[in-house]
Amino acid sequence: MKKLAIGCGLVLVLVGIAVAGASYYVYRQARGMFAQLQELDRVPEIERGVRTRSAYVPPASNEITTSQVEKLVKVQALVRQRLGLRFTELEVKYKALMDKKDATVVDLPALLGAYRDVAAAWMEAKRSQVDALNAVDLSLDEYKWIRDQCYRALGAPYMDFDVAKIVEQIRGGATDANNPPGQIRGSIGPTGPETNRKIIEPFKKQLEDNLPLASFGL
């Protein structure tokens, strides 16, 4: 359950972000870093490679299916496989920050800074995510929705950094307060339909192990 504890520590950071203004803060802190990581500028184009692009309309019940969870876990597994040992590096950086007892909003650039160390591998993982989504016939919107519902059922909070959105905001030179690039997903403690909690039961270990991926937008 260590990774769930890490997620709870992340909420301390997220609360600070909410107070400071998520869109503005993430945008200002990321702008300088992305200027040095030009390869990340291609993320929106890479994501446009997802073949299923129709808008996903979630069911009113917010109930997931076993097939959807299987697809989520398969995509995550393929991304981890592509990352290889780089996943361990990403996980270590993620854990080190989230284990800080006094984690605040000023520590957020350290998390973003992890992209600098694994930028090339992360880009490869993003490409593998697109390939995996195409293989299981999922849109990026549906994938994110399934992921959110699974971590709600698991009771694990995480920050979903939308790198493509950050890039687009940097290109446009402005932020959208109503559509921030970093948002709280999942939950503290299991929530959502009871059926979801039963469906994810066989996948709990994989979901816990892949929590760092979720926080890096993968």
N, C-alpha and C. Protein backbone atom coordinates (compact mmCIF):
# COMPACT_ATOMS: atom_id res chain seq x y z
N MET A 1 0.81 -1.21 0.00
CA MET A 1 0.00 0.00 0.00
C MET A 1 0.84 1.26 0.00
N LYS A 2 2.15 1.13 -0.16
CA LYS A 2 3.02 2.31 -0.12
C LYS A 2 2.64 3.34 -1.16
N LYS A 3 2.30 2.88 -2.35
CA LYS A 3 2.02 3.83 -3.43
C LYS A 3 0.76 4.62 -3.14
N LEU A 4 -0.18 4.01 -2.38
CA LEU A 4 -1.37 4.76 -2.02
C LEU A 4 -1.01 5.85 -1.02
N ALA A 5 -0.06 5.55 -0.15
CA ALA A 5 0.40 6.56 0.80
C ALA A 5 1.09 7.70 0.06
N ILE A 6 1.84 7.35 -0.97
CA ILE A 6 2.48 8.37 -1.80
C ILE A 6 1.42 9.28 -2.39
N GLY A 7 0.35 8.66 -2.89
CA GLY A 7 -0.73 9.44 -3.48
C GLY A 7 -1.34 10.40 -2.49
N CYS A 8 -1.51 9.97 -1.25
CA CYS A 8 -2.07 10.86 -0.24
C CYS A 8 -1.14 12.04 0.03
N GLY A 9 0.18 11.79 -0.01
CA GLY A 9 1.12 12.88 0.15
C GLY A 9 1.00 13.87 -0.98
N LEU A 10 0.68 13.36 -2.15
CA LEU A 10 0.53 14.21 -3.33
C LEU A 10 -0.59 15.22 -3.13
N VAL A 11 -1.62 14.84 -2.38
CA VAL A 11 -2.74 15.74 -2.17
C VAL A 11 -2.29 17.00 -1.46
N LEU A 12 -1.28 16.90 -0.58
CA LEU A 12 -0.76 18.08 0.10
C LEU A 12 -0.23 19.08 -0.91
N VAL A 13 0.44 18.57 -1.94
CA VAL A 13 0.94 19.44 -3.00
C VAL A 13 -0.22 20.04 -3.78
N LEU A 14 -1.20 19.19 -4.06
CA LEU A 14 -2.33 19.64 -4.87
C LEU A 14 -3.13 20.73 -4.17
N VAL A 15 -3.28 20.63 -2.86
CA VAL A 15 -4.01 21.66 -2.13
C VAL A 15 -3.32 22.99 -2.29
N GLY A 16 -1.98 22.97 -2.21
CA GLY A 16 -1.23 24.20 -2.40
C GLY A 16 -1.40 24.76 -3.79
N ILE A 17 -1.47 23.87 -4.77
CA ILE A 17 -1.66 24.31 -6.15
C ILE A 17 -3.02 24.98 -6.31
N ALA A 18 -4.03 24.41 -5.69
CA ALA A 18 -5.37 24.98 -5.81
C ALA A 18 -5.40 26.38 -5.24
N VAL A 19 -4.69 26.57 -4.14
CA VAL A 19 -4.66 27.89 -3.52
C VAL A 19 -3.91 28.89 -4.38
N ALA A 20 -2.80 28.46 -4.96
CA ALA A 20 -1.96 29.37 -5.73
C ALA A 20 -2.52 29.65 -7.12
N GLY A 21 -3.35 28.75 -7.61
CA GLY A 21 -3.88 28.90 -8.98
C GLY A 21 -3.15 27.94 -9.89
N ALA A 22 -3.76 26.77 -10.14
CA ALA A 22 -3.06 25.70 -10.85
C ALA A 22 -2.60 26.11 -12.24
N SER A 23 -3.49 26.65 -13.05
CA SER A 23 -3.13 26.94 -14.43
C SER A 23 -1.95 27.90 -14.51
N TYR A 24 -2.03 29.00 -13.80
CA TYR A 24 -0.99 30.02 -13.86
C TYR A 24 0.33 29.46 -13.36
N TYR A 25 0.30 28.76 -12.25
CA TYR A 25 1.55 28.27 -11.65
C TYR A 25 2.23 27.24 -12.55
N VAL A 26 1.44 26.24 -12.98
CA VAL A 26 2.03 25.21 -13.83
C VAL A 26 2.57 25.81 -15.12
N TYR A 27 1.82 26.71 -15.70
CA TYR A 27 2.25 27.35 -16.94
C TYR A 27 3.56 28.10 -16.75
N ARG A 28 3.64 28.92 -15.73
CA ARG A 28 4.85 29.74 -15.52
C ARG A 28 6.06 28.88 -15.21
N GLN A 29 5.87 27.85 -14.39
CA GLN A 29 7.00 27.01 -14.01
C GLN A 29 7.45 26.10 -15.15
N ALA A 30 6.49 25.68 -15.98
CA ALA A 30 6.83 24.75 -17.05
C ALA A 30 7.41 25.44 -18.27
N ARG A 31 7.12 26.73 -18.45
CA ARG A 31 7.51 27.41 -19.68
C ARG A 31 9.02 27.36 -19.90
N GLY A 32 9.80 27.67 -18.89
CA GLY A 32 11.25 27.66 -19.04
C GLY A 32 11.79 26.27 -19.28
N MET A 33 11.22 25.28 -18.59
CA MET A 33 11.68 23.92 -18.76
C MET A 33 11.38 23.40 -20.16
N PHE A 34 10.18 23.67 -20.67
CA PHE A 34 9.83 23.17 -21.99
C PHE A 34 10.65 23.84 -23.09
N ALA A 35 11.13 25.04 -22.82
CA ALA A 35 11.97 25.72 -23.79
C ALA A 35 13.26 24.94 -24.01
N GLN A 36 13.69 24.18 -22.99
CA GLN A 36 14.92 23.40 -23.09
C GLN A 36 14.64 21.96 -23.53
N LEU A 37 13.39 21.59 -23.61
CA LEU A 37 13.03 20.24 -24.01
C LEU A 37 12.14 20.31 -25.26
N GLN A 38 12.76 20.69 -26.35
CA GLN A 38 12.01 20.93 -27.57
C GLN A 38 11.28 19.68 -28.06
N GLU A 39 11.81 18.49 -27.69
CA GLU A 39 11.15 17.28 -28.17
C GLU A 39 9.73 17.15 -27.61
N LEU A 40 9.49 17.71 -26.43
CA LEU A 40 8.15 17.64 -25.85
C LEU A 40 7.14 18.48 -26.62
N ASP A 41 7.64 19.35 -27.46
CA ASP A 41 6.76 20.18 -28.28
C ASP A 41 5.98 19.33 -29.28
N ARG A 42 6.45 18.09 -29.49
CA ARG A 42 5.80 17.22 -30.46
C ARG A 42 4.68 16.38 -29.85
N VAL A 43 4.47 16.51 -28.55
CA VAL A 43 3.48 15.66 -27.88
C VAL A 43 2.08 15.81 -28.47
N PRO A 44 1.57 17.04 -28.71
CA PRO A 44 0.22 17.14 -29.31
C PRO A 44 0.12 16.39 -30.64
N GLU A 45 1.16 16.49 -31.46
CA GLU A 45 1.15 15.81 -32.75
C GLU A 45 1.15 14.29 -32.56
N ILE A 46 1.93 13.81 -31.60
CA ILE A 46 1.97 12.37 -31.32
C ILE A 46 0.59 11.88 -30.88
N GLU A 47 -0.07 12.65 -30.01
CA GLU A 47 -1.38 12.23 -29.52
C GLU A 47 -2.43 12.23 -30.63
N ARG A 48 -2.21 13.04 -31.65
CA ARG A 48 -3.15 13.03 -32.78
C ARG A 48 -3.05 11.74 -33.58
N GLY A 49 -2.07 10.89 -33.24
CA GLY A 49 -1.93 9.59 -33.89
C GLY A 49 -2.91 8.56 -33.36
N VAL A 50 -3.62 8.88 -32.30
CA VAL A 50 -4.64 7.96 -31.78
C VAL A 50 -5.78 7.90 -32.79
N ARG A 51 -6.07 6.71 -33.29
CA ARG A 51 -7.05 6.58 -34.38
C ARG A 51 -8.49 6.85 -33.92
N THR A 52 -8.83 6.39 -32.73
CA THR A 52 -10.18 6.61 -32.22
C THR A 52 -10.23 7.99 -31.58
N ARG A 53 -10.88 8.92 -32.25
CA ARG A 53 -10.84 10.31 -31.82
C ARG A 53 -12.22 10.87 -31.49
N SER A 54 -13.25 10.05 -31.63
CA SER A 54 -14.60 10.52 -31.30
C SER A 54 -14.71 10.80 -29.81
N ALA A 55 -15.51 11.80 -29.47
CA ALA A 55 -15.67 12.18 -28.07
C ALA A 55 -16.31 11.02 -27.31
N TYR A 56 -15.74 10.73 -26.14
CA TYR A 56 -16.28 9.64 -25.33
C TYR A 56 -17.31 10.19 -24.36
N VAL A 57 -18.48 9.58 -24.36
CA VAL A 57 -19.56 9.98 -23.45
C VAL A 57 -19.68 8.91 -22.37
N PRO A 58 -19.24 9.19 -21.14
CA PRO A 58 -19.29 8.19 -20.07
C PRO A 58 -20.74 7.85 -19.71
N PRO A 59 -20.98 6.65 -19.23
CA PRO A 59 -22.33 6.31 -18.78
C PRO A 59 -22.70 7.14 -17.56
N ALA A 60 -23.98 7.43 -17.43
CA ALA A 60 -24.44 8.24 -16.31
C ALA A 60 -24.14 7.57 -14.97
N SER A 61 -24.04 6.25 -14.99
CA SER A 61 -23.78 5.50 -13.75
C SER A 61 -22.32 5.54 -13.33
N ASN A 62 -21.43 5.97 -14.26
CA ASN A 62 -19.98 5.94 -14.03
C ASN A 62 -19.45 4.54 -13.77
N GLU A 63 -20.17 3.53 -14.24
CA GLU A 63 -19.72 2.16 -14.06
C GLU A 63 -18.79 1.74 -15.19
N ILE A 64 -17.68 1.14 -14.82
CA ILE A 64 -16.72 0.63 -15.79
C ILE A 64 -17.02 -0.85 -16.06
N THR A 65 -16.44 -1.36 -17.11
CA THR A 65 -16.59 -2.79 -17.42
C THR A 65 -15.25 -3.49 -17.25
N THR A 66 -15.31 -4.79 -17.09
CA THR A 66 -14.08 -5.57 -16.97
C THR A 66 -13.22 -5.39 -18.21
N SER A 67 -13.84 -5.34 -19.37
CA SER A 67 -13.11 -5.15 -20.62
C SER A 67 -12.36 -3.83 -20.61
N GLN A 68 -12.98 -2.79 -20.12
CA GLN A 68 -12.31 -1.48 -20.06
C GLN A 68 -11.10 -1.52 -19.14
N VAL A 69 -11.24 -2.16 -18.00
CA VAL A 69 -10.11 -2.24 -17.06
C VAL A 69 -8.98 -3.06 -17.67
N GLU A 70 -9.33 -4.12 -18.34
CA GLU A 70 -8.31 -4.95 -18.99
C GLU A 70 -7.54 -4.14 -20.03
N LYS A 71 -8.25 -3.30 -20.76
CA LYS A 71 -7.59 -2.45 -21.76
C LYS A 71 -6.67 -1.44 -21.10
N LEU A 72 -7.12 -0.83 -20.01
CA LEU A 72 -6.29 0.14 -19.28
C LEU A 72 -5.00 -0.51 -18.81
N VAL A 73 -5.12 -1.65 -18.16
CA VAL A 73 -3.96 -2.34 -17.62
C VAL A 73 -3.01 -2.78 -18.74
N LYS A 74 -3.59 -3.18 -19.88
CA LYS A 74 -2.75 -3.59 -21.02
C LYS A 74 -1.96 -2.42 -21.55
N VAL A 75 -2.61 -1.27 -21.69
CA VAL A 75 -1.90 -0.08 -22.17
C VAL A 75 -0.79 0.30 -21.20
N GLN A 76 -1.09 0.32 -19.90
CA GLN A 76 -0.08 0.66 -18.91
C GLN A 76 1.10 -0.32 -18.96
N ALA A 77 0.80 -1.59 -19.13
CA ALA A 77 1.86 -2.60 -19.19
C ALA A 77 2.78 -2.37 -20.39
N LEU A 78 2.20 -2.01 -21.52
CA LEU A 78 3.01 -1.76 -22.71
C LEU A 78 3.88 -0.52 -22.54
N VAL A 79 3.34 0.48 -21.87
CA VAL A 79 4.12 1.70 -21.61
C VAL A 79 5.29 1.38 -20.68
N ARG A 80 5.02 0.62 -19.62
CA ARG A 80 6.09 0.25 -18.69
C ARG A 80 7.16 -0.58 -19.40
N GLN A 81 6.72 -1.47 -20.28
CA GLN A 81 7.67 -2.28 -21.02
C GLN A 81 8.58 -1.41 -21.87
N ARG A 82 8.02 -0.40 -22.51
CA ARG A 82 8.82 0.49 -23.34
C ARG A 82 9.78 1.33 -22.50
N LEU A 83 9.33 1.72 -21.31
CA LEU A 83 10.18 2.52 -20.43
C LEU A 83 11.34 1.69 -19.87
N GLY A 84 11.09 0.42 -19.60
CA GLY A 84 12.13 -0.43 -19.04
C GLY A 84 12.64 0.10 -17.71
N LEU A 85 13.96 0.16 -17.59
CA LEU A 85 14.57 0.63 -16.34
C LEU A 85 14.25 2.09 -16.07
N ARG A 86 13.90 2.84 -17.09
CA ARG A 86 13.56 4.25 -16.91
C ARG A 86 12.34 4.41 -16.01
N PHE A 87 11.47 3.40 -16.00
CA PHE A 87 10.31 3.48 -15.12
C PHE A 87 10.75 3.53 -13.67
N THR A 88 11.77 2.76 -13.32
CA THR A 88 12.27 2.77 -11.95
C THR A 88 12.79 4.14 -11.58
N GLU A 89 13.49 4.79 -12.51
CA GLU A 89 14.01 6.14 -12.24
C GLU A 89 12.86 7.12 -12.02
N LEU A 90 11.86 7.04 -12.86
CA LEU A 90 10.70 7.92 -12.72
C LEU A 90 10.01 7.67 -11.38
N GLU A 91 9.86 6.39 -11.02
CA GLU A 91 9.19 6.04 -9.77
C GLU A 91 9.95 6.55 -8.56
N VAL A 92 11.27 6.47 -8.61
CA VAL A 92 12.10 6.93 -7.49
C VAL A 92 11.95 8.44 -7.30
N LYS A 93 11.97 9.19 -8.40
CA LYS A 93 11.82 10.64 -8.32
C LYS A 93 10.43 11.01 -7.78
N TYR A 94 9.44 10.31 -8.28
CA TYR A 94 8.06 10.54 -7.85
C TYR A 94 7.92 10.27 -6.35
N LYS A 95 8.46 9.15 -5.90
CA LYS A 95 8.34 8.76 -4.49
C LYS A 95 9.10 9.71 -3.58
N ALA A 96 10.30 10.14 -4.01
CA ALA A 96 11.10 11.03 -3.20
C ALA A 96 10.37 12.34 -2.91
N LEU A 97 9.70 12.87 -3.91
CA LEU A 97 8.97 14.11 -3.71
C LEU A 97 7.73 13.89 -2.86
N MET A 98 6.99 12.84 -3.14
CA MET A 98 5.74 12.61 -2.42
C MET A 98 5.95 12.17 -0.98
N ASP A 99 7.14 11.65 -0.66
CA ASP A 99 7.42 11.24 0.71
C ASP A 99 7.81 12.41 1.61
N LYS A 100 8.04 13.59 1.02
CA LYS A 100 8.41 14.74 1.82
C LYS A 100 7.27 15.11 2.76
N LYS A 101 7.57 15.22 4.04
CA LYS A 101 6.53 15.54 5.02
C LYS A 101 6.01 16.96 4.84
N ASP A 102 6.87 17.84 4.33
CA ASP A 102 6.48 19.24 4.20
C ASP A 102 6.29 19.62 2.73
N ALA A 103 5.85 18.66 1.91
CA ALA A 103 5.65 18.94 0.50
C ALA A 103 4.65 20.07 0.30
N THR A 104 5.03 21.05 -0.50
CA THR A 104 4.15 22.18 -0.78
C THR A 104 4.17 22.46 -2.27
N VAL A 105 3.44 23.48 -2.66
CA VAL A 105 3.36 23.84 -4.06
C VAL A 105 4.71 24.20 -4.65
N VAL A 106 5.63 24.72 -3.83
CA VAL A 106 6.94 25.11 -4.37
C VAL A 106 7.76 23.91 -4.80
N ASP A 107 7.34 22.70 -4.43
CA ASP A 107 8.05 21.49 -4.84
C ASP A 107 7.58 20.97 -6.20
N LEU A 108 6.52 21.54 -6.72
CA LEU A 108 5.98 21.04 -7.97
C LEU A 108 6.98 21.07 -9.12
N PRO A 109 7.81 22.13 -9.26
CA PRO A 109 8.79 22.11 -10.36
C PRO A 109 9.73 20.91 -10.30
N ALA A 110 9.98 20.37 -9.10
CA ALA A 110 10.83 19.19 -9.00
C ALA A 110 10.18 18.00 -9.68
N LEU A 111 8.87 17.90 -9.56
CA LEU A 111 8.16 16.82 -10.23
C LEU A 111 8.18 17.03 -11.73
N LEU A 112 7.93 18.25 -12.18
CA LEU A 112 8.01 18.55 -13.60
C LEU A 112 9.43 18.32 -14.11
N GLY A 113 10.41 18.63 -13.25
CA GLY A 113 11.79 18.48 -13.64
C GLY A 113 12.18 17.05 -13.95
N ALA A 114 11.39 16.11 -13.43
CA ALA A 114 11.69 14.71 -13.72
C ALA A 114 11.60 14.43 -15.22
N TYR A 115 10.79 15.22 -15.94
CA TYR A 115 10.71 15.04 -17.38
C TYR A 115 12.05 15.29 -18.04
N ARG A 116 12.84 16.20 -17.47
CA ARG A 116 14.14 16.52 -18.07
C ARG A 116 15.04 15.29 -18.06
N ASP A 117 15.00 14.52 -16.97
CA ASP A 117 15.88 13.37 -16.84
C ASP A 117 15.43 12.20 -17.70
N VAL A 118 14.14 12.11 -17.94
CA VAL A 118 13.64 10.95 -18.69
C VAL A 118 12.91 11.37 -19.95
N ALA A 119 13.21 12.56 -20.44
CA ALA A 119 12.46 13.12 -21.58
C ALA A 119 12.43 12.18 -22.79
N ALA A 120 13.59 11.69 -23.19
CA ALA A 120 13.64 10.83 -24.37
C ALA A 120 12.84 9.55 -24.16
N ALA A 121 13.02 8.93 -22.98
CA ALA A 121 12.29 7.70 -22.68
C ALA A 121 10.80 7.98 -22.54
N TRP A 122 10.47 9.12 -21.95
CA TRP A 122 9.06 9.46 -21.78
C TRP A 122 8.39 9.66 -23.14
N MET A 123 9.10 10.29 -24.07
CA MET A 123 8.55 10.48 -25.41
C MET A 123 8.32 9.13 -26.09
N GLU A 124 9.24 8.21 -25.89
CA GLU A 124 9.06 6.88 -26.45
C GLU A 124 7.87 6.19 -25.81
N ALA A 125 7.72 6.40 -24.50
CA ALA A 125 6.58 5.81 -23.79
C ALA A 125 5.27 6.42 -24.28
N LYS A 126 5.27 7.71 -24.56
CA LYS A 126 4.06 8.35 -25.08
C LYS A 126 3.69 7.75 -26.44
N ARG A 127 4.70 7.53 -27.28
CA ARG A 127 4.43 6.90 -28.57
C ARG A 127 3.87 5.49 -28.37
N SER A 128 4.44 4.76 -27.38
CA SER A 128 3.95 3.41 -27.13
C SER A 128 2.53 3.45 -26.59
N GLN A 129 2.20 4.50 -25.84
CA GLN A 129 0.83 4.64 -25.34
C GLN A 129 -0.14 4.80 -26.51
N VAL A 130 0.25 5.63 -27.47
CA VAL A 130 -0.60 5.83 -28.65
C VAL A 130 -0.75 4.51 -29.40
N ASP A 131 0.35 3.79 -29.59
CA ASP A 131 0.29 2.50 -30.27
C ASP A 131 -0.63 1.53 -29.53
N ALA A 132 -0.51 1.52 -28.19
CA ALA A 132 -1.31 0.61 -27.38
C ALA A 132 -2.79 0.98 -27.42
N LEU A 133 -3.08 2.27 -27.41
CA LEU A 133 -4.47 2.71 -27.50
C LEU A 133 -5.08 2.27 -28.82
N ASN A 134 -4.30 2.37 -29.88
CA ASN A 134 -4.79 1.93 -31.19
C ASN A 134 -4.99 0.41 -31.22
N ALA A 135 -4.11 -0.31 -30.52
CA ALA A 135 -4.21 -1.76 -30.50
C ALA A 135 -5.46 -2.25 -29.79
N VAL A 136 -5.87 -1.52 -28.75
CA VAL A 136 -7.06 -1.93 -27.99
C VAL A 136 -8.30 -1.12 -28.37
N ASP A 137 -8.14 -0.25 -29.37
CA ASP A 137 -9.25 0.54 -29.90
C ASP A 137 -9.88 1.43 -28.83
N LEU A 138 -9.03 2.24 -28.20
CA LEU A 138 -9.49 3.20 -27.20
C LEU A 138 -9.12 4.61 -27.63
N SER A 139 -9.98 5.56 -27.33
CA SER A 139 -9.62 6.96 -27.51
C SER A 139 -8.87 7.40 -26.26
N LEU A 140 -8.14 8.49 -26.38
CA LEU A 140 -7.42 9.02 -25.23
C LEU A 140 -8.41 9.47 -24.16
N ASP A 141 -9.54 10.04 -24.58
CA ASP A 141 -10.55 10.49 -23.62
C ASP A 141 -11.12 9.32 -22.82
N GLU A 142 -11.43 8.23 -23.51
CA GLU A 142 -11.99 7.07 -22.79
C GLU A 142 -10.94 6.46 -21.86
N TYR A 143 -9.70 6.41 -22.33
CA TYR A 143 -8.62 5.87 -21.51
C TYR A 143 -8.49 6.65 -20.21
N LYS A 144 -8.50 7.97 -20.32
CA LYS A 144 -8.36 8.79 -19.12
C LYS A 144 -9.55 8.62 -18.18
N TRP A 145 -10.73 8.48 -18.76
CA TRP A 145 -11.92 8.29 -17.94
C TRP A 145 -11.86 6.96 -17.20
N ILE A 146 -11.47 5.90 -17.90
CA ILE A 146 -11.35 4.59 -17.26
C ILE A 146 -10.32 4.65 -16.13
N ARG A 147 -9.19 5.28 -16.42
CA ARG A 147 -8.12 5.40 -15.43
C ARG A 147 -8.61 6.12 -14.19
N ASP A 148 -9.34 7.22 -14.37
CA ASP A 148 -9.87 7.99 -13.25
C ASP A 148 -10.83 7.15 -12.42
N GLN A 149 -11.74 6.45 -13.09
CA GLN A 149 -12.71 5.63 -12.36
C GLN A 149 -12.03 4.49 -11.61
N CYS A 150 -11.00 3.90 -12.20
CA CYS A 150 -10.29 2.82 -11.53
C CYS A 150 -9.59 3.30 -10.26
N TYR A 151 -8.95 4.46 -10.34
CA TYR A 151 -8.25 4.96 -9.16
C TYR A 151 -9.21 5.55 -8.12
N ARG A 152 -10.39 5.96 -8.55
CA ARG A 152 -11.43 6.33 -7.59
C ARG A 152 -11.88 5.09 -6.82
N ALA A 153 -12.09 4.01 -7.54
CA ALA A 153 -12.51 2.77 -6.91
C ALA A 153 -11.42 2.22 -5.99
N LEU A 154 -10.17 2.43 -6.40
CA LEU A 154 -9.04 1.97 -5.59
C LEU A 154 -8.83 2.86 -4.37
N GLY A 155 -9.23 4.12 -4.48
CA GLY A 155 -9.02 5.06 -3.38
C GLY A 155 -7.63 5.66 -3.40
N ALA A 156 -7.13 5.95 -4.61
CA ALA A 156 -5.79 6.50 -4.78
C ALA A 156 -5.84 7.82 -5.54
N PRO A 157 -5.42 8.92 -4.91
CA PRO A 157 -5.37 10.20 -5.63
C PRO A 157 -4.09 10.34 -6.43
N TYR A 158 -4.14 11.08 -7.50
CA TYR A 158 -2.94 11.35 -8.29
C TYR A 158 -3.15 12.63 -9.06
N MET A 159 -2.04 13.25 -9.48
CA MET A 159 -2.14 14.43 -10.33
C MET A 159 -1.94 14.01 -11.77
N ASP A 160 -2.88 14.36 -12.60
CA ASP A 160 -2.79 14.03 -14.01
C ASP A 160 -2.23 15.24 -14.76
N PHE A 161 -0.93 15.17 -15.12
CA PHE A 161 -0.30 16.23 -15.90
C PHE A 161 -0.58 16.01 -17.37
N ASP A 162 -1.26 16.92 -17.98
CA ASP A 162 -1.55 16.84 -19.41
C ASP A 162 -0.48 17.62 -20.16
N VAL A 163 0.56 16.92 -20.60
CA VAL A 163 1.69 17.56 -21.24
C VAL A 163 1.28 18.24 -22.54
N ALA A 164 0.40 17.58 -23.31
CA ALA A 164 -0.05 18.18 -24.57
C ALA A 164 -0.74 19.51 -24.31
N LYS A 165 -1.53 19.58 -23.25
CA LYS A 165 -2.24 20.81 -22.92
C LYS A 165 -1.26 21.90 -22.50
N ILE A 166 -0.23 21.51 -21.74
CA ILE A 166 0.79 22.48 -21.33
C ILE A 166 1.48 23.06 -22.56
N VAL A 167 1.82 22.17 -23.51
CA VAL A 167 2.48 22.63 -24.74
C VAL A 167 1.59 23.61 -25.49
N GLU A 168 0.31 23.28 -25.62
CA GLU A 168 -0.61 24.15 -26.35
C GLU A 168 -0.76 25.50 -25.65
N GLN A 169 -0.77 25.50 -24.32
CA GLN A 169 -0.89 26.76 -23.59
C GLN A 169 0.36 27.60 -23.74
N ILE A 170 1.51 26.95 -23.76
CA ILE A 170 2.76 27.67 -23.97
C ILE A 170 2.79 28.27 -25.37
N ARG A 171 2.34 27.50 -26.35
CA ARG A 171 2.29 28.02 -27.73
C ARG A 171 1.36 29.22 -27.83
N GLY A 172 0.23 29.13 -27.13
CA GLY A 172 -0.74 30.21 -27.19
C GLY A 172 -0.40 31.40 -26.31
N GLY A 173 0.55 31.20 -25.38
CA GLY A 173 0.97 32.29 -24.51
C GLY A 173 -0.06 32.67 -23.46
N ALA A 174 -0.97 31.75 -23.15
CA ALA A 174 -2.00 32.06 -22.15
C ALA A 174 -2.49 30.77 -21.51
N THR A 175 -3.06 30.90 -20.33
CA THR A 175 -3.61 29.76 -19.62
C THR A 175 -5.13 29.84 -19.61
N ASP A 176 -5.74 28.72 -19.30
CA ASP A 176 -7.20 28.65 -19.20
C ASP A 176 -7.53 28.20 -17.80
N ALA A 177 -8.00 29.13 -16.97
CA ALA A 177 -8.29 28.82 -15.57
C ALA A 177 -9.35 27.75 -15.43
N ASN A 178 -10.21 27.61 -16.44
CA ASN A 178 -11.27 26.62 -16.37
C ASN A 178 -10.84 25.25 -16.89
N ASN A 179 -9.62 25.19 -17.42
CA ASN A 179 -9.13 23.94 -18.01
C ASN A 179 -7.64 23.79 -17.72
N PRO A 180 -7.29 23.64 -16.44
CA PRO A 180 -5.88 23.59 -16.04
C PRO A 180 -5.16 22.35 -16.54
N PRO A 181 -3.84 22.42 -16.78
CA PRO A 181 -3.08 21.29 -17.29
C PRO A 181 -2.75 20.24 -16.24
N GLY A 182 -2.96 20.58 -14.98
CA GLY A 182 -2.74 19.63 -13.90
C GLY A 182 -3.99 19.55 -13.04
N GLN A 183 -4.57 18.35 -12.93
CA GLN A 183 -5.81 18.21 -12.17
C GLN A 183 -5.74 17.02 -11.23
N ILE A 184 -6.47 17.11 -10.13
CA ILE A 184 -6.58 16.00 -9.20
C ILE A 184 -7.49 14.94 -9.82
N ARG A 185 -7.00 13.72 -9.83
CA ARG A 185 -7.81 12.59 -10.28
C ARG A 185 -7.81 11.53 -9.18
N GLY A 186 -8.62 10.50 -9.39
CA GLY A 186 -8.72 9.47 -8.36
C GLY A 186 -9.42 10.04 -7.14
N SER A 187 -9.13 9.49 -5.97
CA SER A 187 -9.76 9.98 -4.74
C SER A 187 -9.01 9.46 -3.52
N ILE A 188 -9.25 10.11 -2.39
CA ILE A 188 -8.71 9.63 -1.12
C ILE A 188 -9.75 8.70 -0.53
N GLY A 189 -9.49 7.43 -0.55
CA GLY A 189 -10.47 6.46 -0.11
C GLY A 189 -11.35 6.05 -1.26
N PRO A 190 -11.75 4.77 -1.30
CA PRO A 190 -12.57 4.27 -2.41
C PRO A 190 -13.87 5.04 -2.56
N THR A 191 -14.17 5.44 -3.80
CA THR A 191 -15.42 6.12 -4.11
C THR A 191 -15.96 5.57 -5.42
N GLY A 192 -17.14 6.04 -5.77
CA GLY A 192 -17.74 5.59 -7.02
C GLY A 192 -18.63 4.38 -6.81
N PRO A 193 -19.18 3.85 -7.90
CA PRO A 193 -20.08 2.71 -7.82
C PRO A 193 -19.42 1.49 -7.16
N GLU A 194 -20.19 0.78 -6.38
CA GLU A 194 -19.69 -0.42 -5.71
C GLU A 194 -19.24 -1.46 -6.73
N THR A 195 -19.92 -1.51 -7.86
CA THR A 195 -19.55 -2.48 -8.89
C THR A 195 -18.13 -2.23 -9.40
N ASN A 196 -17.71 -0.98 -9.45
CA ASN A 196 -16.36 -0.66 -9.91
C ASN A 196 -15.31 -1.25 -8.97
N ARG A 197 -15.59 -1.18 -7.67
CA ARG A 197 -14.62 -1.70 -6.69
C ARG A 197 -14.47 -3.21 -6.83
N LYS A 198 -15.56 -3.88 -7.16
CA LYS A 198 -15.49 -5.32 -7.35
C LYS A 198 -14.75 -5.66 -8.64
N ILE A 199 -14.99 -4.89 -9.68
CA ILE A 199 -14.37 -5.16 -10.97
C ILE A 199 -12.86 -4.98 -10.92
N ILE A 200 -12.37 -3.97 -10.18
CA ILE A 200 -10.92 -3.72 -10.16
C ILE A 200 -10.17 -4.65 -9.22
N GLU A 201 -10.87 -5.41 -8.40
CA GLU A 201 -10.22 -6.24 -7.39
C GLU A 201 -9.09 -7.09 -7.95
N PRO A 202 -9.28 -7.79 -9.08
CA PRO A 202 -8.18 -8.61 -9.61
C PRO A 202 -7.01 -7.79 -10.18
N PHE A 203 -7.22 -6.49 -10.34
CA PHE A 203 -6.20 -5.64 -10.97
C PHE A 203 -5.55 -4.66 -9.99
N LYS A 204 -5.87 -4.77 -8.71
CA LYS A 204 -5.41 -3.78 -7.73
C LYS A 204 -3.90 -3.63 -7.72
N LYS A 205 -3.18 -4.74 -7.75
CA LYS A 205 -1.71 -4.68 -7.68
C LYS A 205 -1.15 -3.93 -8.88
N GLN A 206 -1.65 -4.22 -10.08
CA GLN A 206 -1.15 -3.52 -11.26
C GLN A 206 -1.46 -2.03 -11.19
N LEU A 207 -2.66 -1.69 -10.76
CA LEU A 207 -3.05 -0.29 -10.67
C LEU A 207 -2.18 0.46 -9.67
N GLU A 208 -1.91 -0.15 -8.52
CA GLU A 208 -1.04 0.48 -7.53
C GLU A 208 0.36 0.69 -8.08
N ASP A 209 0.89 -0.35 -8.74
CA ASP A 209 2.25 -0.26 -9.29
C ASP A 209 2.36 0.81 -10.38
N ASN A 210 1.25 1.07 -11.07
CA ASN A 210 1.29 2.00 -12.20
C ASN A 210 0.86 3.41 -11.84
N LEU A 211 0.67 3.68 -10.56
CA LEU A 211 0.25 5.02 -10.15
C LEU A 211 1.20 6.12 -10.62
N PRO A 212 2.54 5.91 -10.57
CA PRO A 212 3.43 6.96 -11.10
C PRO A 212 3.18 7.27 -12.57
N LEU A 213 2.83 6.25 -13.35
CA LEU A 213 2.53 6.50 -14.77
C LEU A 213 1.36 7.46 -14.91
N ALA A 214 0.33 7.23 -14.11
CA ALA A 214 -0.85 8.08 -14.18
C ALA A 214 -0.49 9.54 -13.90
N SER A 215 0.40 9.76 -12.95
CA SER A 215 0.77 11.13 -12.59
C SER A 215 1.67 11.79 -13.62
N PHE A 216 2.22 11.00 -14.53
CA PHE A 216 3.02 11.56 -15.62
C PHE A 216 2.25 11.53 -16.93
N GLY A 217 0.92 11.45 -16.83
CA GLY A 217 0.08 11.54 -18.00
C GLY A 217 0.13 10.33 -18.90
N LEU A 218 0.50 9.18 -18.36
CA LEU A 218 0.63 7.97 -19.16
C LEU A 218 -0.36 6.91 -18.70
